[in-house]
Amino acid sequence: MTYIFNDPIHGTMELNRVLVGIIDTPAFQRLRNIKQTGAVCFVYPGATHTRFEHSIGVCHLAGQVIDKLSQHATITPVDKLCVQVAGLLHDVGHGPFSHLFDNSFIQEISSAEWSHELQSCRIFDHILKTHEEVAKSLKDAGLTDIDIIFIKELINAKDFKSNNNHEWLFKGRPKQKSFLYEIVANERTGIDVDKFDYLLRDCYYLGVNCTLDWRRLVHMMRIVEKDGQFRIAIRDKEKDNVFNMFYLRMHLRRIAYQHSTVGAVDFMIRDVLKLCNDVIFPDTLLSDTIHHIDKYLRLNDCILDLISNMDHSNHSPNHLNQAKKLIGRLRTRRLYNMVAETPPSTEDFKDKIKILGEIVGDENTLKDQIILSDLSLNFGKWGASGDPLESVLFYDKHGTVLSDKFYNEFSLFSPSSWSQKQLRFYCTSEDPTITELAKRKCNEWIARAFPDGQ
């Protein structure tokens, strides 16, 4: 039995009852209240789509790719179901406002080894433990313990990435089916159905023209052998389409994900969460909920409303008051101000504490009023040189895998640099005098650090 979903991006999507059983769990339904692009909706009003529909879209596309690759290799119904389950659950571990919680909040306040992919695997275990009907449906579909391991490996593939192309660290499937690990989260080339869906979906809701022809890319996929493993390769004449996909990713980072106003909102929400770290739960820090699945699954983007409506019977009332004031500023659009930005460069600004000290100097009024933020634009981290095509396998019309020289021939039109970095300076104060002082001091530091303006 299949269920029909009507999606504005992919049209009619058919999923079987096993997948729908997972969708109907509270852990997955929680994704309805977690925005796909975090705080981007503060700049692009239409960007209110969620991880819920994105995850279903990734599941659907995973099935489409499997059906195509089945023409070239033996892929069992269990293989297909495992890949689709991984596509469905790959983002279920995200916290409130997606990457804002994962990166800005958790990484700054906690030293725990953690990622949303790892959390997705833990939540998958939680679903199997607390929903017997889901566990039974997977078992009835033919899945064994090794298949559960396989699904987790697909979700969290980056933890099994090896620098040795001949080394095989996965346990869920042998080398002969290594291509299955390149469908949901492709750590080798970055070409995967997760990227297909979020690029298409984000462009649609942002109101940005999308030039990615994912159907043609999928149609031109085939399985080839490379270094003793079976990989997904793309027809050579699709190199422009592949490059365009990576360019579109970079373009969206520049105009939306890393927009300066989005950065200001991110910092404000992060500061709210930091202030309320010991307020949300009476016996558990917000940052420690990553180790308590039951509490973690109660968190979503509604956390700002929760904080706004909390009374002062909780401990740390001063922190709660400050958090409410910040939320008030957000809702009346009195945001942190970006007061300066360095020119584009390839320099890493690692010692931000030193930079901040040089800016503030003896100006005590600027203490705790300036935030430094990294802006990093690139085409992906899959190629050593930064060229996204470097790691992609291409084949010609005869089915022959092309050599590295093919990439060099295509690079005649490549940019002079595949990445650029900048440092942004935000002032948290609403006082115009302090804001102007911060702007002047930051620009003076930039003039000293970049005397040639570059």
Protein backbone atom coordinates (compact mmCIF):
# COMPACT_ATOMS: atom_id res chain seq x y z
CA MET A 1 0.00 0.00 0.00
CA THR A 2 1.27 3.46 -0.91
CA TYR A 3 0.32 6.93 0.28
CA ILE A 4 0.19 9.98 -1.97
CA PHE A 5 1.77 13.31 -1.02
CA ASN A 6 1.27 16.41 -3.16
CA ASP A 7 4.38 18.57 -3.02
CA PRO A 8 4.91 22.02 -4.61
CA ILE A 9 8.45 21.02 -5.60
CA HIS A 10 8.20 17.41 -6.77
CA GLY A 11 4.48 17.07 -7.47
CA THR A 12 3.02 13.68 -6.66
CA MET A 13 5.15 11.60 -4.29
CA GLU A 14 4.31 8.00 -3.37
CA LEU A 15 5.64 6.49 -0.14
CA ASN A 16 4.90 3.06 1.30
CA ARG A 17 3.25 2.33 4.63
CA VAL A 18 6.57 1.66 6.39
CA LEU A 19 7.83 5.15 5.60
CA VAL A 20 4.50 6.74 6.47
CA GLY A 21 4.58 4.92 9.81
CA ILE A 22 7.82 6.74 10.61
CA ILE A 23 6.39 10.06 9.40
CA ASP A 24 3.46 9.65 11.78
CA THR A 25 5.65 9.44 14.90
CA PRO A 26 5.85 12.50 17.20
CA ALA A 27 9.64 12.63 16.72
CA PHE A 28 9.20 13.19 12.99
CA GLN A 29 6.10 15.39 13.27
CA ARG A 30 8.20 17.73 15.43
CA LEU A 31 9.98 18.78 12.23
CA ARG A 32 6.82 20.69 11.22
CA ASN A 33 7.92 23.34 13.71
CA ILE A 34 11.58 23.62 12.70
CA LYS A 35 12.24 25.96 9.79
CA GLN A 36 14.45 24.64 7.04
CA THR A 37 16.43 27.87 6.73
CA GLY A 38 16.40 29.04 10.35
CA ALA A 39 16.24 32.82 10.67
CA VAL A 40 16.27 33.48 6.91
CA CYS A 41 12.54 34.24 7.08
CA PHE A 42 13.44 37.51 8.85
CA VAL A 43 14.84 38.67 5.49
CA TYR A 44 12.86 36.54 3.01
CA PRO A 45 9.27 36.43 4.35
CA GLY A 46 8.33 33.35 2.33
CA ALA A 47 11.13 31.18 3.73
CA THR A 48 8.94 29.55 6.36
CA HIS A 49 9.16 26.03 4.93
CA THR A 50 10.22 23.34 7.38
CA ARG A 51 12.43 20.32 7.82
CA PHE A 52 9.26 18.22 7.64
CA GLU A 53 8.55 18.65 3.94
CA HIS A 54 12.25 18.74 3.09
CA SER A 55 12.81 15.34 4.71
CA ILE A 56 9.88 13.81 2.86
CA GLY A 57 11.24 15.29 -0.37
CA VAL A 58 14.69 13.77 0.26
CA CYS A 59 13.07 10.39 0.90
CA HIS A 60 11.17 10.66 -2.39
CA LEU A 61 14.26 11.66 -4.38
CA ALA A 62 16.27 8.84 -2.81
CA GLY A 63 13.73 6.42 -4.22
CA GLN A 64 13.99 8.08 -7.64
CA VAL A 65 17.78 7.71 -7.70
CA ILE A 66 17.59 4.09 -6.54
CA ASP A 67 15.15 3.29 -9.34
CA LYS A 68 17.56 4.78 -11.87
CA LEU A 69 20.64 3.01 -10.51
CA SER A 70 18.74 -0.29 -10.42
CA GLN A 71 19.18 -0.34 -14.20
CA HIS A 72 22.93 -0.77 -13.71
CA ALA A 73 23.25 -2.82 -10.50
CA THR A 74 21.45 -5.28 -8.28
CA ILE A 75 19.63 -3.28 -5.62
CA THR A 76 17.24 -5.15 -3.37
CA PRO A 77 13.93 -3.81 -2.01
CA VAL A 78 15.59 -3.77 1.44
CA ASP A 79 18.45 -1.65 0.07
CA LYS A 80 15.95 0.83 -1.36
CA LEU A 81 13.92 1.00 1.85
CA CYS A 82 17.05 1.57 3.95
CA VAL A 83 18.17 4.46 1.73
CA GLN A 84 14.69 6.01 1.84
CA VAL A 85 14.47 5.69 5.63
CA ALA A 86 17.85 7.42 5.88
CA GLY A 87 16.59 10.19 3.62
CA LEU A 88 13.51 10.56 5.78
CA LEU A 89 15.43 10.73 9.08
CA HIS A 90 18.65 12.49 8.04
CA ASP A 91 17.52 15.82 9.59
CA VAL A 92 15.35 14.60 12.47
CA GLY A 93 18.19 15.48 14.86
CA HIS A 94 18.11 19.22 14.20
CA GLY A 95 17.41 21.55 17.10
CA PRO A 96 15.44 24.84 17.14
CA PHE A 97 16.21 27.03 14.13
CA SER A 98 18.26 24.21 12.61
CA HIS A 99 21.96 25.09 12.23
CA LEU A 100 21.65 28.03 14.60
CA PHE A 101 21.12 25.61 17.49
CA ASP A 102 23.59 23.03 16.17
CA ASN A 103 26.44 25.44 15.53
CA SER A 104 26.06 28.88 17.12
CA PHE A 105 24.57 27.65 20.39
CA ILE A 106 25.81 24.12 21.09
CA GLN A 107 29.35 24.60 19.78
CA GLU A 108 29.84 27.74 21.84
CA ILE A 109 28.35 26.56 25.11
CA SER A 110 29.11 22.83 25.13
CA SER A 111 32.27 20.78 24.65
CA ALA A 112 30.35 17.60 23.83
CA GLU A 113 31.11 15.63 20.69
CA TRP A 114 27.86 16.23 18.89
CA SER A 115 26.27 16.80 15.49
CA HIS A 116 22.71 16.81 14.23
CA GLU A 117 23.54 13.69 12.17
CA LEU A 118 24.61 11.82 15.30
CA GLN A 119 21.47 13.05 17.05
CA SER A 120 19.37 11.79 14.13
CA CYS A 121 20.80 8.31 14.70
CA ARG A 122 19.96 8.50 18.42
CA ILE A 123 16.42 9.60 17.65
CA PHE A 124 16.07 6.71 15.19
CA ASP A 125 16.98 4.36 18.05
CA HIS A 126 14.43 6.17 20.22
CA ILE A 127 11.71 5.69 17.60
CA LEU A 128 12.46 1.96 17.33
CA LYS A 129 12.40 1.62 21.12
CA THR A 130 9.22 3.59 21.80
CA HIS A 131 7.15 2.66 18.74
CA GLU A 132 6.83 -1.10 18.45
CA GLU A 133 4.69 -0.79 15.33
CA VAL A 134 7.53 0.98 13.48
CA ALA A 135 10.09 -1.61 14.56
CA LYS A 136 7.69 -4.39 13.53
CA SER A 137 6.97 -2.83 10.13
CA LEU A 138 10.70 -2.58 9.39
CA LYS A 139 11.21 -6.18 10.46
CA ASP A 140 8.27 -7.35 8.38
CA ALA A 141 9.78 -5.54 5.40
CA GLY A 142 12.90 -7.70 5.79
CA LEU A 143 15.22 -5.37 7.70
CA THR A 144 17.68 -6.92 10.15
CA ASP A 145 20.06 -5.46 12.74
CA ILE A 146 22.73 -4.96 10.07
CA ASP A 147 20.24 -2.91 8.03
CA ILE A 148 19.59 -0.64 11.03
CA ILE A 149 23.36 -0.09 11.22
CA PHE A 150 23.35 0.63 7.48
CA ILE A 151 20.67 3.31 7.86
CA LYS A 152 22.66 5.03 10.62
CA GLU A 153 25.79 4.94 8.46
CA LEU A 154 23.89 6.58 5.62
CA ILE A 155 22.68 9.34 7.94
CA ASN A 156 26.04 9.96 9.59
CA ALA A 157 28.39 9.03 6.75
CA LYS A 158 30.92 11.75 7.55
CA ASP A 159 32.02 9.92 10.70
CA PHE A 160 33.16 7.03 8.52
CA LYS A 161 35.00 9.11 5.94
CA SER A 162 38.51 7.87 5.29
CA ASN A 163 41.46 9.63 3.69
CA ASN A 164 42.43 6.30 2.17
CA ASN A 165 40.28 5.54 -0.86
CA HIS A 166 41.01 1.83 -0.49
CA GLU A 167 39.94 1.66 3.16
CA TRP A 168 36.35 0.55 3.86
CA LEU A 169 35.04 1.49 7.32
CA PHE A 170 31.33 0.83 6.84
CA LYS A 171 29.70 -2.28 8.26
CA GLY A 172 26.18 -2.01 6.85
CA ARG A 173 27.09 -2.86 3.27
CA PRO A 174 30.21 -4.24 1.52
CA LYS A 175 32.37 -2.37 -0.99
CA GLN A 176 30.29 -3.84 -3.82
CA LYS A 177 27.45 -1.57 -2.76
CA SER A 178 29.53 1.47 -1.86
CA PHE A 179 27.51 3.61 -4.30
CA LEU A 180 24.53 3.42 -1.93
CA TYR A 181 26.45 5.68 0.48
CA GLU A 182 26.54 8.45 -2.15
CA ILE A 183 22.78 8.96 -2.47
CA VAL A 184 21.55 10.69 0.71
CA ALA A 185 24.70 12.36 2.08
CA ASN A 186 27.59 12.14 -0.37
CA GLU A 187 30.79 12.82 1.53
CA ARG A 188 32.89 12.15 -1.57
CA THR A 189 31.50 14.64 -4.09
CA GLY A 190 28.63 16.53 -2.44
CA ILE A 191 26.19 15.46 -5.17
CA ASP A 192 23.25 13.96 -3.27
CA VAL A 193 19.47 14.10 -2.98
CA ASP A 194 19.63 16.17 0.22
CA LYS A 195 21.26 18.95 -1.79
CA PHE A 196 18.87 18.51 -4.72
CA ASP A 197 15.85 18.99 -2.49
CA TYR A 198 17.05 21.90 -0.36
CA LEU A 199 18.34 23.85 -3.36
CA LEU A 200 15.05 23.42 -5.21
CA ARG A 201 12.89 24.01 -2.14
CA ASP A 202 14.84 26.97 -0.76
CA CYS A 203 14.87 28.72 -4.14
CA TYR A 204 11.12 28.23 -4.43
CA TYR A 205 10.32 29.73 -1.03
CA LEU A 206 12.96 32.44 -1.24
CA GLY A 207 11.62 33.53 -4.60
CA VAL A 208 15.00 32.93 -6.26
CA ASN A 209 15.34 31.51 -9.76
CA CYS A 210 16.58 27.91 -9.64
CA THR A 211 18.64 26.69 -12.56
CA LEU A 212 19.38 23.20 -11.27
CA ASP A 213 18.24 20.41 -13.61
CA TRP A 214 18.30 17.56 -11.12
CA ARG A 215 16.25 15.22 -13.30
CA ARG A 216 18.85 15.32 -16.03
CA LEU A 217 21.64 14.73 -13.50
CA VAL A 218 19.85 11.66 -12.16
CA HIS A 219 19.17 10.43 -15.69
CA MET A 220 22.90 10.72 -16.48
CA MET A 221 24.05 8.80 -13.40
CA ARG A 222 25.64 5.39 -13.69
CA ILE A 223 27.73 3.11 -11.50
CA VAL A 224 31.46 2.74 -12.21
CA GLU A 225 34.37 1.03 -10.46
CA LYS A 226 37.08 3.22 -8.95
CA ASP A 227 39.82 2.21 -6.49
CA GLY A 228 38.12 -1.10 -5.80
CA GLN A 229 34.78 0.52 -4.95
CA PHE A 230 31.63 1.10 -6.95
CA ARG A 231 30.84 4.79 -7.29
CA ILE A 232 28.24 7.04 -8.91
CA ALA A 233 29.54 8.87 -11.98
CA ILE A 234 27.98 11.58 -14.13
CA ARG A 235 28.08 11.85 -17.91
CA ASP A 236 30.85 14.26 -19.01
CA LYS A 237 28.52 16.53 -20.98
CA GLU A 238 26.73 17.38 -17.71
CA LYS A 239 29.79 19.10 -16.21
CA ASP A 240 28.11 22.51 -16.62
CA ASN A 241 25.00 21.25 -14.83
CA VAL A 242 27.12 19.87 -11.99
CA PHE A 243 29.11 23.08 -11.68
CA ASN A 244 25.89 25.09 -11.71
CA MET A 245 24.61 23.07 -8.74
CA PHE A 246 27.65 24.02 -6.67
CA TYR A 247 27.45 27.62 -7.81
CA LEU A 248 23.79 27.79 -6.81
CA ARG A 249 24.70 26.49 -3.36
CA MET A 250 27.32 29.21 -2.99
CA HIS A 251 24.91 31.85 -4.34
CA LEU A 252 22.24 30.97 -1.77
CA ARG A 253 24.82 31.13 1.01
CA ARG A 254 25.80 34.61 -0.11
CA ILE A 255 22.33 36.12 -0.60
CA ALA A 256 20.37 34.24 2.07
CA TYR A 257 22.00 31.84 4.54
CA GLN A 258 24.84 34.26 5.33
CA HIS A 259 22.96 37.51 4.73
CA SER A 260 24.16 40.17 7.19
CA THR A 261 20.68 40.68 8.68
CA VAL A 262 20.21 36.93 9.08
CA GLY A 263 23.50 36.95 10.98
CA ALA A 264 22.20 39.64 13.33
CA VAL A 265 19.03 37.66 14.04
CA ASP A 266 21.06 34.47 14.55
CA PHE A 267 23.19 36.15 17.20
CA MET A 268 20.14 37.55 18.97
CA ILE A 269 18.41 34.15 19.11
CA ARG A 270 21.68 32.53 20.20
CA ASP A 271 21.96 35.06 23.04
CA VAL A 272 18.37 34.34 24.08
CA LEU A 273 19.14 30.62 24.25
CA LYS A 274 22.35 31.25 26.21
CA LEU A 275 20.50 33.43 28.72
CA CYS A 276 17.86 30.73 29.14
CA ASN A 277 20.22 27.77 29.28
CA ASP A 278 19.19 27.02 32.88
CA VAL A 279 15.61 28.25 32.59
CA ILE A 280 13.79 26.03 30.08
CA PHE A 281 13.97 22.83 32.15
CA PRO A 282 14.19 22.85 35.97
CA ASP A 283 16.62 19.93 36.18
CA THR A 284 18.48 19.97 32.84
CA LEU A 285 20.46 22.64 31.03
CA LEU A 286 19.19 23.44 27.55
CA SER A 287 22.65 22.60 26.21
CA ASP A 288 22.51 19.20 27.93
CA THR A 289 19.23 18.17 26.28
CA ILE A 290 21.32 16.71 23.46
CA HIS A 291 21.95 13.83 25.90
CA HIS A 292 18.29 13.53 26.93
CA ILE A 293 16.20 12.55 23.92
CA ASP A 294 12.82 12.95 25.66
CA LYS A 295 13.56 16.57 26.51
CA TYR A 296 15.31 17.27 23.22
CA LEU A 297 12.23 16.20 21.27
CA ARG A 298 10.23 18.88 23.08
CA LEU A 299 12.38 21.60 21.49
CA ASN A 300 11.49 23.40 18.26
CA ASP A 301 11.23 26.93 16.87
CA CYS A 302 8.38 27.68 19.28
CA ILE A 303 11.01 28.02 22.01
CA LEU A 304 10.90 31.82 21.67
CA ASP A 305 7.16 31.82 22.42
CA LEU A 306 7.79 29.48 25.34
CA ILE A 307 10.36 31.87 26.81
CA SER A 308 8.14 34.90 26.21
CA ASN A 309 5.29 33.29 28.15
CA MET A 310 7.35 31.99 31.08
CA ASP A 311 6.67 33.49 34.49
CA HIS A 312 9.32 34.62 36.94
CA SER A 313 8.94 31.78 39.41
CA ASN A 314 11.89 30.13 37.70
CA HIS A 315 15.41 30.63 38.94
CA SER A 316 17.63 33.12 37.07
CA PRO A 317 14.82 35.70 36.68
CA ASN A 318 17.37 38.31 35.61
CA HIS A 319 18.43 36.15 32.67
CA LEU A 320 14.80 35.57 31.77
CA ASN A 321 14.10 39.30 31.78
CA GLN A 322 17.08 39.94 29.51
CA ALA A 323 15.95 37.17 27.16
CA LYS A 324 12.44 38.62 26.98
CA LYS A 325 13.84 42.04 26.14
CA LEU A 326 15.89 40.53 23.32
CA ILE A 327 12.82 38.73 21.98
CA GLY A 328 10.98 42.05 22.17
CA ARG A 329 13.71 43.65 20.09
CA LEU A 330 13.45 40.85 17.54
CA ARG A 331 9.70 41.29 17.21
CA THR A 332 9.99 45.05 16.78
CA ARG A 333 12.99 44.64 14.47
CA ARG A 334 15.45 46.52 16.66
CA LEU A 335 18.24 44.20 15.61
CA TYR A 336 21.96 44.09 16.30
CA ASN A 337 23.72 46.40 13.84
CA MET A 338 26.42 45.23 11.46
CA VAL A 339 28.84 48.14 11.77
CA ALA A 340 31.73 46.95 9.59
CA GLU A 341 33.00 44.19 7.32
CA THR A 342 36.48 43.31 6.11
CA PRO A 343 37.25 43.08 2.39
CA PRO A 344 37.10 39.56 0.88
CA SER A 345 40.31 37.59 1.45
CA THR A 346 41.63 34.08 1.98
CA GLU A 347 42.81 34.84 5.52
CA ASP A 348 41.56 32.89 8.54
CA PHE A 349 40.64 35.11 11.47
CA LYS A 350 41.31 32.57 14.21
CA ASP A 351 42.22 34.75 17.19
CA LYS A 352 39.02 36.74 17.54
CA ILE A 353 39.67 37.50 21.22
CA LYS A 354 42.89 39.27 20.25
CA ILE A 355 41.15 41.18 17.45
CA LEU A 356 38.36 42.22 19.79
CA GLY A 357 40.91 43.45 22.33
CA GLU A 358 42.66 45.53 19.67
CA ILE A 359 39.35 47.09 18.66
CA VAL A 360 38.00 47.85 22.13
CA GLY A 361 41.27 49.04 23.66
CA ASP A 362 40.49 51.22 26.66
CA GLU A 363 36.96 52.04 25.48
CA ASN A 364 35.06 50.46 28.36
CA THR A 365 31.73 51.46 26.80
CA LEU A 366 32.37 48.93 24.03
CA LYS A 367 33.00 46.04 26.39
CA ASP A 368 30.59 43.18 25.59
CA GLN A 369 29.01 45.30 22.84
CA ILE A 370 30.83 43.94 19.76
CA ILE A 371 30.43 40.50 18.17
CA LEU A 372 32.82 39.15 15.55
CA SER A 373 31.40 36.81 12.92
CA ASP A 374 33.05 34.72 10.19
CA LEU A 375 31.65 34.85 6.67
CA SER A 376 32.90 31.98 4.55
CA LEU A 377 31.84 31.44 0.95
CA ASN A 378 33.00 28.44 -1.05
CA PHE A 379 31.87 25.89 -3.60
CA GLY A 380 32.11 23.01 -1.15
CA LYS A 381 34.79 21.14 0.75
CA TRP A 382 34.95 18.04 -1.42
CA GLY A 383 37.92 18.96 -3.62
CA ALA A 384 41.36 19.63 -2.17
CA SER A 385 41.81 22.75 -4.31
CA GLY A 386 38.29 24.03 -3.71
CA ASP A 387 37.21 23.18 -7.25
CA PRO A 388 33.94 21.25 -6.73
CA LEU A 389 34.42 19.25 -9.94
CA GLU A 390 37.74 17.88 -8.78
CA SER A 391 36.17 15.08 -6.75
CA VAL A 392 33.34 14.25 -9.19
CA LEU A 393 33.63 11.15 -11.36
CA PHE A 394 32.69 11.70 -15.01
CA TYR A 395 32.32 9.12 -17.79
CA ASP A 396 32.21 9.55 -21.56
CA LYS A 397 29.75 8.18 -24.12
CA HIS A 398 31.63 4.88 -24.15
CA GLY A 399 31.24 4.46 -20.40
CA THR A 400 34.92 5.11 -19.70
CA VAL A 401 35.75 6.98 -16.50
CA LEU A 402 37.68 10.12 -17.43
CA SER A 403 41.05 11.04 -15.97
CA ASP A 404 41.87 14.03 -13.81
CA LYS A 405 42.98 15.92 -16.91
CA PHE A 406 39.34 16.28 -17.82
CA TYR A 407 38.80 18.56 -14.82
CA ASN A 408 41.79 20.70 -15.81
CA GLU A 409 40.41 21.16 -19.32
CA PHE A 410 37.14 22.41 -17.89
CA SER A 411 38.85 24.81 -15.47
CA LEU A 412 39.72 27.37 -18.16
CA PHE A 413 36.72 29.39 -16.99
CA SER A 414 37.24 28.72 -13.30
CA PRO A 415 37.46 31.61 -10.80
CA SER A 416 40.82 32.82 -9.52
CA SER A 417 39.78 31.66 -6.04
CA TRP A 418 37.32 28.98 -4.99
CA SER A 419 36.63 30.51 -1.59
CA GLN A 420 36.63 33.82 0.19
CA LYS A 421 36.48 34.80 3.84
CA GLN A 422 35.44 37.95 5.61
CA LEU A 423 34.99 39.13 9.16
CA ARG A 424 31.81 40.94 10.14
CA PHE A 425 31.41 43.18 13.17
CA TYR A 426 28.08 43.57 14.95
CA CYS A 427 27.17 46.01 17.72
CA THR A 428 24.58 44.78 20.21
CA SER A 429 23.76 48.18 21.73
CA GLU A 430 20.73 50.25 20.74
CA ASP A 431 22.48 53.44 21.83
CA PRO A 432 23.38 55.41 18.64
CA THR A 433 26.45 56.88 20.32
CA ILE A 434 27.85 53.45 21.17
CA THR A 435 26.95 52.14 17.73
CA GLU A 436 28.82 54.96 16.02
CA LEU A 437 31.83 54.46 18.29
CA ALA A 438 31.85 50.74 17.52
CA LYS A 439 31.62 51.47 13.80
CA ARG A 440 34.56 53.88 13.95
CA LYS A 441 36.78 51.57 16.03
CA CYS A 442 36.04 48.53 13.85
CA ASN A 443 36.76 50.43 10.64
CA GLU A 444 40.00 51.74 12.11
CA TRP A 445 41.07 48.15 12.84
CA ILE A 446 40.13 47.12 9.29
CA ALA A 447 42.19 49.99 7.86
CA ARG A 448 45.21 48.81 9.87
CA ALA A 449 44.71 45.12 9.01
CA PHE A 450 44.01 45.77 5.31
CA PRO A 451 46.10 48.81 4.39
CA ASP A 452 45.63 48.16 0.67
CA GLY A 453 41.89 47.56 1.02
CA GLN A 454 42.35 43.85 0.19
